[in-house]
Amino acid sequence: MEHRLRNRCELSMDVVVHGRGGLTLHGRTHDISPDGMFIQLPGEAVSDRKVVEIEISRDVWLHGWVVRVEDEGIGVMFHSIDGREERLLGQLLRDRCAPKACLSAA
């Protein structure tokens, strides 16, 4: 059952996932919304409910927790997004997500 509140859009870009204990994994986004993203990487490398930081660029990091672990990657729900990060995420979605690339929330 899907729990998404807003539409997500297909977006493929490199990210780095950082976790406690020095965990650093390089992955690629599959889709993104204002609420979270799915990152393609070895799913067994990250545990469900783990707190992570996602480095989108040198100065843009988003905080979240892992809500889904699959063989293909992890689903992350954002939390503690401040106003600056929210604006940058909104700009990213406007600039890089074409309307036809949006996926239904259901």
Foldseek 3Di string as FASTA:
>chain_A
DFDFPDWKFADWDWKWKAFPPGDIDIWIWGIGDLFWTWTFDQLVSDDAQGWIWIGRDPPAIFTFGFHDGDRGTTITTTDPQDPVNSVVVVVCCVPGGDPVRIDDSD
